[in-house]
Amino acid sequence: MKYLIIFLVPIFLFTGCAIKEYEKYDNISKASLEKVNFYDIENFYNDDFDYALKTFQKACKKSKRFSLFEDVCAESLTAKNARDFFISNFQPYKLIDKNGSDEGVITGYYEPLLNGSLTKDETYKYPIYKTPKDMITVDLSSVYPDLKKYRLRGKLEGNKIVPYDSRAKLNTKENENLEPICYVDDKFELFLLHIQGSGKVKLTNGDIINIGYANQNGRRYTSVGKYMLKKGYLKPNNASIQGMKAFFDKNPDKVDEILNHNESYVFFRKASQGATGALGVELTAKRNLAVDRSYIPLGMPVFLSTSNPITKEQINKLMVAADTGGAIKGEIRADFFWGYGDKAFKYAGKMKEKGTLYILIPKDQLID
């Protein structure tokens, strides 16, 4: 079954004497889209298309179930030339935000490594929790189809569903419904695991276990970085993960106040593989993005133009949207997956760059 286009709406924006015509495909992306040619995209032809194709094929293990990608995923399995495959099967569109800009914010994330133990002691005392036994998740789509991407999370108190506990309450109150996977030795590193959504824990016996996202308490994500800037704990020139860590090392009495400002709390599960995105496939370093799926469907090839946060060299890569994030909201907003380890942490923690995104829509889904 084809992923039929419902709307094709020309949008005219006047800039001086020039008129730009944008298109809308609301069942693919709620953003305005500017149709472009591949040769209009800077450094598109200089990419490693073989690596890009492998990343797309990996995503297809899950995205092929979506009618949007069903045919093109099948086509990818017999592709003889990776560059020709993308050029022949996709039409690029540049994302435009509601203000008519083609530029947004690109941040970075990584897979953290924490030190942990299966038993609690004075060193390893911060739990990584499984999904609580008493948490209820309500899928609203059966009653309100427009809310198909939203789930209500809470718990029963009498005959009412109330919001699940906040971060502050979960960190301080004993709860028989909470079961830890293991315990780690650093509260801020655990908070970063919540932000990243997955990671690894090195146990005291040397074994390493993979930790994957399982659920969330339903509370709204709030940036603690912005809170620290507002309170004067950080200056704009050191508003990074590294800057936050340095502040907490010097001010341990402020850790709870700051971290509890973000009421959102993530629950985890043991995973059989490394960092896995919302699409359900293991993430590929420097080839996968976390996106806002209102504007970019998971599984979609996305060409990214941005810059390296440290060297400031240009990054022009064909990526695949494979993840989401609580802080990733907006038309031109993405999180660049840097991979695992200290080097990935260094780049991810520093990254907050301007960028442009081009989505590649399968040609067989477009109606002229």
Protein backbone atom coordinates (compact mmCIF):
# COMPACT_ATOMS: atom_id res chain seq x y z
CA MET A 1 0.00 0.00 0.00
CA LYS A 2 1.43 3.37 -0.99
CA TYR A 3 1.95 6.21 1.44
CA LEU A 4 -0.42 8.57 -0.41
CA ILE A 5 0.24 12.26 -0.28
CA ILE A 6 -2.78 14.08 1.11
CA PHE A 7 -1.74 17.72 0.79
CA LEU A 8 0.37 19.60 -1.70
CA VAL A 9 0.04 23.23 -0.69
CA PRO A 10 2.17 25.97 -2.26
CA ILE A 11 3.33 28.51 0.31
CA PHE A 12 4.62 31.83 -0.97
CA LEU A 13 7.09 33.85 1.08
CA PHE A 14 8.12 37.29 -0.10
CA THR A 15 11.71 38.27 0.48
CA GLY A 16 12.34 41.53 -1.31
CA CYS A 17 11.18 40.92 -4.88
CA ALA A 18 11.83 37.16 -4.75
CA ILE A 19 9.05 34.61 -4.34
CA LYS A 20 9.87 31.19 -2.93
CA GLU A 21 7.45 28.35 -3.36
CA TYR A 22 7.39 25.79 -0.57
CA GLU A 23 5.46 22.54 -0.45
CA LYS A 24 3.62 20.73 2.32
CA TYR A 25 3.32 16.97 2.67
CA ASP A 26 1.56 16.87 6.01
CA ASN A 27 1.45 13.09 6.30
CA ILE A 28 5.24 12.93 5.93
CA SER A 29 6.42 16.17 7.56
CA LYS A 30 4.61 19.09 9.13
CA ALA A 31 7.44 21.41 8.05
CA SER A 32 7.43 23.50 4.90
CA LEU A 33 9.64 21.86 2.27
CA GLU A 34 11.74 23.43 -0.46
CA LYS A 35 12.31 21.08 -3.39
CA VAL A 36 15.98 21.03 -4.42
CA ASN A 37 18.29 19.04 -6.68
CA PHE A 38 21.09 16.90 -5.32
CA TYR A 39 23.67 19.15 -6.99
CA ASP A 40 22.25 22.09 -5.00
CA ILE A 41 23.32 20.42 -1.74
CA GLU A 42 26.85 21.45 -0.76
CA ASN A 43 29.34 18.54 -0.81
CA PHE A 44 26.60 15.96 -1.32
CA TYR A 45 28.62 14.05 -3.90
CA ASN A 46 31.70 13.88 -1.62
CA ASP A 47 30.08 11.62 0.97
CA ASP A 48 30.81 7.95 1.66
CA PHE A 49 27.64 6.53 0.12
CA ASP A 50 28.55 2.90 0.83
CA TYR A 51 28.56 3.64 4.56
CA ALA A 52 25.37 5.68 4.24
CA LEU A 53 23.65 2.79 2.45
CA LYS A 54 24.69 0.31 5.16
CA THR A 55 23.19 2.62 7.78
CA PHE A 56 19.97 2.93 5.77
CA GLN A 57 19.76 -0.86 5.30
CA LYS A 58 20.17 -1.33 9.05
CA ALA A 59 17.31 1.12 9.66
CA CYS A 60 15.20 -0.80 7.13
CA LYS A 61 15.11 -3.79 9.47
CA LYS A 62 12.50 -1.76 11.36
CA SER A 63 11.34 0.98 8.97
CA LYS A 64 10.34 -1.45 6.19
CA ARG A 65 7.12 -2.04 8.11
CA PHE A 66 6.13 1.56 7.34
CA SER A 67 4.48 1.94 3.93
CA LEU A 68 6.59 5.06 3.38
CA PHE A 69 9.75 2.94 3.18
CA GLU A 70 8.44 -0.51 2.25
CA ASP A 71 9.37 -0.43 -1.44
CA VAL A 72 12.59 1.57 -1.18
CA CYS A 73 13.89 -0.69 1.60
CA ALA A 74 13.34 -3.71 -0.66
CA GLU A 75 15.12 -1.85 -3.47
CA SER A 76 18.13 -1.16 -1.22
CA LEU A 77 18.88 -4.87 -0.87
CA THR A 78 19.78 -5.20 -4.55
CA ALA A 79 21.54 -1.84 -4.98
CA LYS A 80 24.73 -2.20 -7.02
CA ASN A 81 25.91 1.40 -6.60
CA ALA A 82 25.16 3.21 -3.34
CA ARG A 83 25.24 6.76 -4.73
CA ASP A 84 23.02 5.85 -7.68
CA PHE A 85 20.57 4.16 -5.30
CA PHE A 86 19.97 7.36 -3.34
CA ILE A 87 19.85 9.61 -6.40
CA SER A 88 17.50 7.31 -8.34
CA ASN A 89 15.09 6.54 -5.52
CA PHE A 90 14.79 9.77 -3.54
CA GLN A 91 13.85 13.42 -4.01
CA PRO A 92 15.58 15.86 -1.64
CA TYR A 93 13.69 18.62 0.17
CA LYS A 94 15.18 21.29 2.40
CA LEU A 95 13.35 21.80 5.69
CA ILE A 96 12.04 25.31 6.31
CA ASP A 97 10.81 26.47 9.71
CA LYS A 98 7.69 28.52 10.43
CA ASN A 99 9.69 31.76 10.17
CA GLY A 100 10.94 30.90 6.69
CA SER A 101 14.47 30.03 7.83
CA ASP A 102 16.42 27.00 6.61
CA GLU A 103 18.78 27.05 9.59
CA GLY A 104 18.32 25.43 12.98
CA VAL A 105 20.23 24.01 15.95
CA ILE A 106 22.24 20.78 15.86
CA THR A 107 23.41 19.34 19.17
CA GLY A 108 25.22 16.08 19.92
CA TYR A 109 24.78 13.02 22.09
CA TYR A 110 26.77 9.90 22.90
CA GLU A 111 26.66 6.57 24.72
CA PRO A 112 28.02 7.05 28.26
CA LEU A 113 30.05 4.53 30.27
CA LEU A 114 29.30 4.44 34.00
CA ASN A 115 30.95 2.54 36.84
CA GLY A 116 28.53 0.30 38.70
CA SER A 117 27.74 -2.65 40.91
CA LEU A 118 24.89 -5.14 41.19
CA THR A 119 24.75 -4.46 44.93
CA LYS A 120 24.34 -1.19 46.78
CA ASP A 121 27.09 0.12 49.05
CA GLU A 122 28.60 3.45 50.11
CA THR A 123 30.30 3.88 46.72
CA TYR A 124 27.63 2.52 44.40
CA LYS A 125 24.42 4.00 45.76
CA TYR A 126 22.58 5.59 42.83
CA PRO A 127 20.07 3.15 41.26
CA ILE A 128 19.29 2.63 37.59
CA TYR A 129 15.62 1.70 37.79
CA LYS A 130 13.47 -0.57 35.68
CA THR A 131 9.96 0.60 34.74
CA PRO A 132 7.94 0.80 38.00
CA LYS A 133 5.46 -1.99 38.56
CA ASP A 134 2.67 0.49 39.38
CA MET A 135 3.15 2.84 36.43
CA ILE A 136 0.28 2.96 33.93
CA THR A 137 0.70 3.94 30.28
CA VAL A 138 -2.47 4.97 28.44
CA ASP A 139 -2.45 5.06 24.63
CA LEU A 140 -4.88 7.83 23.70
CA SER A 141 -4.97 7.12 19.96
CA SER A 142 -7.94 4.74 20.16
CA VAL A 143 -10.08 7.59 21.50
CA TYR A 144 -8.32 10.61 19.99
CA PRO A 145 -6.57 9.69 16.70
CA ASP A 146 -4.91 13.11 16.58
CA LEU A 147 -3.03 12.16 19.74
CA LYS A 148 -1.52 8.97 18.32
CA LYS A 149 2.03 10.04 19.27
CA TYR A 150 1.09 10.87 22.86
CA ARG A 151 0.86 8.50 25.80
CA LEU A 152 -0.40 9.35 29.25
CA ARG A 153 1.80 7.99 32.03
CA GLY A 154 0.82 7.93 35.67
CA LYS A 155 -0.37 5.73 38.52
CA LEU A 156 -3.62 4.91 40.26
CA GLU A 157 -4.64 6.65 43.46
CA GLY A 158 -8.05 5.30 44.36
CA ASN A 159 -10.00 5.44 41.10
CA LYS A 160 -7.99 8.30 39.59
CA ILE A 161 -4.89 8.33 37.41
CA VAL A 162 -2.43 10.88 38.78
CA PRO A 163 0.97 11.97 37.44
CA TYR A 164 3.80 9.59 38.27
CA ASP A 165 6.41 10.70 40.80
CA SER A 166 8.80 13.51 39.90
CA ARG A 167 12.59 13.15 39.81
CA ALA A 168 12.89 14.66 43.29
CA LYS A 169 10.40 12.20 44.76
CA LEU A 170 11.93 9.20 42.98
CA ASN A 171 15.37 10.18 44.29
CA THR A 172 14.30 10.52 47.93
CA LYS A 173 11.31 8.27 48.60
CA GLU A 174 11.47 4.52 49.14
CA ASN A 175 9.18 2.81 46.63
CA GLU A 176 8.47 -0.91 46.68
CA ASN A 177 7.45 -0.72 43.01
CA LEU A 178 10.94 0.29 41.91
CA GLU A 179 13.48 -2.42 41.05
CA PRO A 180 17.09 -1.45 40.29
CA ILE A 181 19.09 -3.03 37.48
CA CYS A 182 22.29 -1.96 39.22
CA TYR A 183 23.82 0.94 41.14
CA VAL A 184 26.34 3.54 39.93
CA ASP A 185 28.81 5.79 41.71
CA ASP A 186 28.03 9.23 40.25
CA LYS A 187 24.69 11.05 40.40
CA PHE A 188 25.51 13.44 37.56
CA GLU A 189 26.71 10.61 35.30
CA LEU A 190 23.40 8.86 36.02
CA PHE A 191 21.55 12.05 35.06
CA LEU A 192 23.48 12.11 31.77
CA LEU A 193 22.39 8.50 31.17
CA HIS A 194 18.80 9.73 31.52
CA ILE A 195 19.45 12.48 28.99
CA GLN A 196 21.24 10.19 26.50
CA GLY A 197 18.67 7.41 26.86
CA SER A 198 21.10 4.47 26.81
CA GLY A 199 24.62 3.56 27.82
CA LYS A 200 26.96 1.00 29.30
CA VAL A 201 27.82 0.13 32.90
CA LYS A 202 31.17 -1.40 33.84
CA LEU A 203 30.66 -3.62 36.88
CA THR A 204 33.17 -4.20 39.66
CA ASN A 205 34.07 -7.62 38.22
CA GLY A 206 34.95 -6.06 34.85
CA ASP A 207 31.79 -7.14 33.02
CA ILE A 208 30.01 -4.52 30.92
CA ILE A 209 26.23 -4.47 30.62
CA ASN A 210 24.24 -2.54 28.04
CA ILE A 211 21.47 -0.32 29.37
CA GLY A 212 18.59 0.69 27.09
CA TYR A 213 15.65 3.08 27.38
CA ALA A 214 12.45 1.45 28.65
CA ASN A 215 10.05 4.20 29.71
CA GLN A 216 9.66 7.66 31.22
CA ASN A 217 7.63 9.04 34.11
CA GLY A 218 5.48 11.28 31.90
CA ARG A 219 6.80 14.54 33.34
CA ARG A 220 7.92 17.30 30.99
CA TYR A 221 11.64 17.55 30.17
CA THR A 222 13.18 20.81 31.39
CA SER A 223 16.71 21.92 30.55
CA VAL A 224 18.94 22.13 33.62
CA GLY A 225 21.54 23.93 31.53
CA LYS A 226 19.15 26.85 30.98
CA TYR A 227 18.31 26.81 34.69
CA MET A 228 22.00 27.01 35.60
CA LEU A 229 22.48 29.94 33.23
CA LYS A 230 19.47 31.74 34.71
CA LYS A 231 20.76 31.23 38.26
CA GLY A 232 24.25 32.39 37.32
CA TYR A 233 25.83 29.00 38.01
CA LEU A 234 27.16 28.87 34.45
CA LYS A 235 28.29 31.51 32.00
CA PRO A 236 27.37 31.26 28.29
CA ASN A 237 30.98 30.41 27.38
CA ASN A 238 31.00 27.27 29.56
CA ALA A 239 27.38 26.14 29.18
CA SER A 240 28.28 22.57 28.22
CA ILE A 241 28.25 19.14 29.83
CA GLN A 242 31.89 19.68 30.74
CA GLY A 243 31.04 23.04 32.33
CA MET A 244 28.19 21.50 34.30
CA LYS A 245 30.40 18.68 35.57
CA ALA A 246 33.09 21.14 36.68
CA PHE A 247 30.46 23.15 38.59
CA PHE A 248 29.08 20.06 40.35
CA ASP A 249 32.57 18.90 41.33
CA LYS A 250 33.07 22.24 43.10
CA ASN A 251 29.51 22.57 44.43
CA PRO A 252 28.18 19.12 45.40
CA ASP A 253 25.55 20.76 47.63
CA LYS A 254 23.85 22.17 44.51
CA VAL A 255 23.48 18.88 42.62
CA ASP A 256 20.01 17.91 43.88
CA GLU A 257 18.58 21.43 43.54
CA ILE A 258 19.68 21.65 39.91
CA LEU A 259 18.98 18.11 38.69
CA ASN A 260 15.55 18.00 40.34
CA HIS A 261 14.57 21.09 38.34
CA ASN A 262 14.05 18.57 35.50
CA GLU A 263 11.10 16.50 36.73
CA SER A 264 11.42 14.03 33.84
CA TYR A 265 12.82 10.64 34.88
CA VAL A 266 13.84 7.77 32.60
CA PHE A 267 13.54 4.06 33.35
CA PHE A 268 15.76 1.44 31.74
CA ARG A 269 16.14 -2.21 30.79
CA LYS A 270 19.07 -4.52 30.18
CA ALA A 271 19.81 -4.51 26.46
CA SER A 272 21.42 -7.12 24.22
CA GLN A 273 23.22 -4.51 22.10
CA GLY A 274 24.71 -1.04 22.35
CA ALA A 275 22.90 2.29 22.10
CA THR A 276 19.54 1.69 20.44
CA GLY A 277 17.37 4.51 19.12
CA ALA A 278 13.61 4.94 19.12
CA LEU A 279 13.44 3.20 15.73
CA GLY A 280 14.66 0.02 17.43
CA VAL A 281 18.03 -0.46 15.72
CA GLU A 282 21.52 -0.12 17.15
CA LEU A 283 22.82 3.38 16.45
CA THR A 284 25.75 4.00 14.10
CA ALA A 285 28.27 6.62 15.21
CA LYS A 286 28.28 9.76 13.06
CA ARG A 287 25.50 8.39 10.81
CA ASN A 288 22.36 8.54 12.95
CA LEU A 289 20.32 11.50 14.14
CA ALA A 290 17.73 12.01 16.84
CA VAL A 291 14.92 14.14 15.41
CA ASP A 292 11.44 15.48 16.05
CA ARG A 293 9.30 12.91 14.26
CA SER A 294 6.57 15.48 13.61
CA TYR A 295 8.92 16.84 10.96
CA ILE A 296 11.20 13.91 10.11
CA PRO A 297 9.88 10.31 10.12
CA LEU A 298 12.11 7.70 11.73
CA GLY A 299 13.97 5.76 9.04
CA MET A 300 14.22 8.80 6.76
CA PRO A 301 17.57 9.56 5.06
CA VAL A 302 18.60 13.10 6.05
CA PHE A 303 21.48 15.08 4.61
CA LEU A 304 23.02 17.24 7.33
CA SER A 305 25.10 20.37 6.82
CA THR A 306 26.65 21.68 10.04
CA SER A 307 30.09 22.13 11.64
CA ASN A 308 32.35 20.27 14.06
CA PRO A 309 31.96 21.81 17.54
CA ILE A 310 35.70 21.75 18.26
CA THR A 311 37.55 22.03 14.94
CA LYS A 312 34.75 24.07 13.26
CA GLU A 313 35.31 22.08 10.07
CA GLN A 314 32.23 21.48 7.93
CA ILE A 315 30.20 18.30 8.49
CA ASN A 316 28.26 17.28 5.38
CA LYS A 317 26.85 13.77 5.76
CA LEU A 318 23.98 11.62 4.63
CA MET A 319 22.48 10.45 7.91
CA VAL A 320 19.45 8.38 8.90
CA ALA A 321 16.85 9.51 11.45
CA ALA A 322 16.75 6.71 14.01
CA ASP A 323 16.06 8.28 17.39
CA THR A 324 14.09 10.93 19.25
CA GLY A 325 14.73 12.98 22.38
CA GLY A 326 12.83 15.04 24.94
CA ALA A 327 14.81 18.16 24.04
CA ILE A 328 14.63 17.63 20.27
CA LYS A 329 11.67 19.75 19.21
CA GLY A 330 11.21 21.76 16.04
CA GLU A 331 11.47 21.60 12.27
CA ILE A 332 15.24 22.07 11.95
CA ARG A 333 16.41 20.43 15.15
CA ALA A 334 18.56 17.31 15.44
CA ASP A 335 20.92 15.50 17.79
CA PHE A 336 24.07 14.07 16.17
CA PHE A 337 25.10 10.66 17.57
CA TRP A 338 28.86 10.70 18.16
CA GLY A 339 29.20 7.12 19.44
CA TYR A 340 30.71 5.66 22.61
CA GLY A 341 33.58 6.68 24.86
CA ASP A 342 35.52 9.71 26.03
CA LYS A 343 36.12 11.18 22.57
CA ALA A 344 32.43 10.96 21.74
CA PHE A 345 31.63 12.62 25.07
CA LYS A 346 34.01 15.48 24.30
CA TYR A 347 32.38 16.28 20.96
CA ALA A 348 28.79 15.68 22.08
CA GLY A 349 29.16 17.86 25.15
CA LYS A 350 30.44 20.80 23.14
CA MET A 351 28.08 20.59 20.19
CA LYS A 352 25.52 23.33 19.65
CA GLU A 353 25.95 24.36 16.02
CA LYS A 354 23.85 25.93 13.31
CA GLY A 355 22.75 23.48 10.65
CA THR A 356 20.55 22.75 7.65
CA LEU A 357 18.58 19.55 7.09
CA TYR A 358 17.46 17.96 3.82
CA ILE A 359 15.06 15.03 3.97
CA LEU A 360 15.12 12.46 1.16
CA ILE A 361 11.55 11.37 0.35
CA PRO A 362 11.13 8.15 -1.65
CA LYS A 363 10.06 9.11 -5.18
CA ASP A 364 7.42 6.39 -5.29
CA GLN A 365 5.56 8.24 -2.52
CA LEU A 366 5.28 11.54 -4.38
CA ILE A 367 2.27 12.47 -6.49
CA ASP A 368 2.81 15.17 -9.08
